[in-house]
Amino acid sequence: MRLVYELGMTTPHTTTTPDKLLTVAEVAGHLAVDPATVRRWITGGKLPATRLGRDYRIHQAELHALVAAHRTHTTPLTTGASL
């Protein structure tokens, strides 16, 4: 959930809200992976990105879709609940 709040993805993406472009370093930082991993995802077609000069930019909505596609729980986890 931390990633969702940090990226401002608490509401679905709409056409009235501009989509933020993230750098490879920002995506890597949010997902706690190496930037080379993010670049591999891009070149391998796992993460769509836009090439600007020598750099890539990732649309926030695409990152949200990647996270949602790899989600292991279909319902939100609650904190503090006893089992």
C-alpha atoms as a PDB file:
ATOM      1  CA  MET A   1       0.000   0.000   0.000  1.00  0.00           C
ATOM      2  CA  ARG A   2       2.904   2.360   0.624  1.00  0.00           C
ATOM      3  CA  LEU A   3       3.672   2.413  -3.097  1.00  0.00           C
ATOM      4  CA  VAL A   4       0.071   3.297  -3.924  1.00  0.00           C
ATOM      5  CA  TYR A   5       0.058   6.272  -1.573  1.00  0.00           C
ATOM      6  CA  GLU A   6       3.538   7.499  -2.558  1.00  0.00           C
ATOM      7  CA  LEU A   7       2.632   7.524  -6.231  1.00  0.00           C
ATOM      8  CA  GLY A   8      -0.723   9.170  -5.590  1.00  0.00           C
ATOM      9  CA  MET A   9      -2.602   6.215  -7.011  1.00  0.00           C
ATOM     10  CA  THR A  10      -5.469   6.174  -4.523  1.00  0.00           C
ATOM     11  CA  THR A  11      -8.037   6.864  -7.261  1.00  0.00           C
ATOM     12  CA  PRO A  12      -8.302   5.344 -10.734  1.00  0.00           C
ATOM     13  CA  HIS A  13      -6.581   7.217 -13.528  1.00  0.00           C
ATOM     14  CA  THR A  14      -8.966   9.430 -15.450  1.00  0.00           C
ATOM     15  CA  THR A  15      -8.579  11.568 -18.543  1.00  0.00           C
ATOM     16  CA  THR A  16      -9.038  14.745 -16.478  1.00  0.00           C
ATOM     17  CA  THR A  17      -6.000  13.973 -14.309  1.00  0.00           C
ATOM     18  CA  PRO A  18      -2.639  14.429 -16.032  1.00  0.00           C
ATOM     19  CA  ASP A  19      -0.464  11.325 -15.965  1.00  0.00           C
ATOM     20  CA  LYS A  20       2.839  11.912 -14.217  1.00  0.00           C
ATOM     21  CA  LEU A  21       5.979  10.758 -16.001  1.00  0.00           C
ATOM     22  CA  LEU A  22       8.490   8.952 -13.787  1.00  0.00           C
ATOM     23  CA  THR A  23      12.189   8.386 -14.405  1.00  0.00           C
ATOM     24  CA  VAL A  24      13.780   4.948 -14.306  1.00  0.00           C
ATOM     25  CA  ALA A  25      15.429   5.911 -11.014  1.00  0.00           C
ATOM     26  CA  GLU A  26      12.091   6.965  -9.493  1.00  0.00           C
ATOM     27  CA  VAL A  27      10.413   3.709 -10.514  1.00  0.00           C
ATOM     28  CA  ALA A  28      13.369   1.712  -9.190  1.00  0.00           C
ATOM     29  CA  GLY A  29      13.208   3.596  -5.891  1.00  0.00           C
ATOM     30  CA  HIS A  30       9.468   3.043  -5.481  1.00  0.00           C
ATOM     31  CA  LEU A  31       9.756  -0.674  -6.215  1.00  0.00           C
ATOM     32  CA  ALA A  32      13.052  -1.151  -4.316  1.00  0.00           C
ATOM     33  CA  VAL A  33      14.826  -2.653  -7.341  1.00  0.00           C
ATOM     34  CA  ASP A  34      17.948  -1.717  -9.267  1.00  0.00           C
ATOM     35  CA  PRO A  35      17.502   0.750 -12.149  1.00  0.00           C
ATOM     36  CA  ALA A  36      19.008  -1.889 -14.462  1.00  0.00           C
ATOM     37  CA  THR A  37      16.066  -4.142 -13.581  1.00  0.00           C
ATOM     38  CA  VAL A  38      13.608  -1.432 -14.618  1.00  0.00           C
ATOM     39  CA  ARG A  39      15.484  -0.972 -17.894  1.00  0.00           C
ATOM     40  CA  ARG A  40      15.322  -4.750 -18.513  1.00  0.00           C
ATOM     41  CA  TRP A  41      11.558  -4.668 -17.930  1.00  0.00           C
ATOM     42  CA  ILE A  42      11.297  -1.840 -20.464  1.00  0.00           C
ATOM     43  CA  THR A  43      13.441  -3.460 -23.162  1.00  0.00           C
ATOM     44  CA  GLY A  44      11.762  -6.815 -22.538  1.00  0.00           C
ATOM     45  CA  GLY A  45       8.297  -5.321 -23.019  1.00  0.00           C
ATOM     46  CA  LYS A  46       7.134  -5.927 -19.448  1.00  0.00           C
ATOM     47  CA  LEU A  47       6.908  -2.202 -18.637  1.00  0.00           C
ATOM     48  CA  PRO A  48       5.828   0.249 -21.361  1.00  0.00           C
ATOM     49  CA  ALA A  49       7.859   3.451 -21.450  1.00  0.00           C
ATOM     50  CA  THR A  50       8.466   6.516 -23.584  1.00  0.00           C
ATOM     51  CA  ARG A  51      11.956   7.224 -24.816  1.00  0.00           C
ATOM     52  CA  LEU A  52      13.050  10.853 -24.454  1.00  0.00           C
ATOM     53  CA  GLY A  53      16.501  11.268 -25.938  1.00  0.00           C
ATOM     54  CA  ARG A  54      18.700   8.715 -24.183  1.00  0.00           C
ATOM     55  CA  ASP A  55      16.391   8.307 -21.205  1.00  0.00           C
ATOM     56  CA  TYR A  56      13.102   6.538 -20.567  1.00  0.00           C
ATOM     57  CA  ARG A  57      10.027   7.926 -18.861  1.00  0.00           C
ATOM     58  CA  ILE A  58       7.343   5.683 -17.439  1.00  0.00           C
ATOM     59  CA  HIS A  59       3.746   6.830 -17.193  1.00  0.00           C
ATOM     60  CA  GLN A  60       2.443   6.537 -13.660  1.00  0.00           C
ATOM     61  CA  ALA A  61      -0.587   4.634 -14.980  1.00  0.00           C
ATOM     62  CA  GLU A  62       1.696   2.024 -16.575  1.00  0.00           C
ATOM     63  CA  LEU A  63       3.510   1.524 -13.284  1.00  0.00           C
ATOM     64  CA  HIS A  64       0.157   1.176 -11.541  1.00  0.00           C
ATOM     65  CA  ALA A  65      -0.875  -1.457 -14.121  1.00  0.00           C
ATOM     66  CA  LEU A  66       2.370  -3.394 -13.587  1.00  0.00           C
ATOM     67  CA  VAL A  67       1.873  -3.425  -9.822  1.00  0.00           C
ATOM     68  CA  ALA A  68      -1.786  -4.426 -10.181  1.00  0.00           C
ATOM     69  CA  ALA A  69      -0.916  -7.235 -12.619  1.00  0.00           C
ATOM     70  CA  HIS A  70       1.505  -8.751 -10.115  1.00  0.00           C
ATOM     71  CA  ARG A  71      -0.684  -8.296  -7.074  1.00  0.00           C
ATOM     72  CA  THR A  72      -0.911 -11.463  -4.969  1.00  0.00           C
ATOM     73  CA  HIS A  73      -3.928 -10.422  -2.871  1.00  0.00           C
ATOM     74  CA  THR A  74      -7.249  -9.462  -4.401  1.00  0.00           C
ATOM     75  CA  THR A  75      -8.455  -7.666  -1.283  1.00  0.00           C
ATOM     76  CA  PRO A  76      -6.547  -4.995   0.610  1.00  0.00           C
ATOM     77  CA  LEU A  77      -4.608  -6.189   3.610  1.00  0.00           C
ATOM     78  CA  THR A  78      -5.593  -4.596   6.907  1.00  0.00           C
ATOM     79  CA  THR A  79      -3.160  -3.727   9.627  1.00  0.00           C
ATOM     80  CA  GLY A  80      -3.689  -4.501  13.255  1.00  0.00           C
ATOM     81  CA  ALA A  81      -6.331  -7.166  12.647  1.00  0.00           C
ATOM     82  CA  SER A  82      -5.956 -10.284  14.705  1.00  0.00           C
ATOM     83  CA  LEU A  83      -6.272 -13.643  13.013  1.00  0.00           C
END
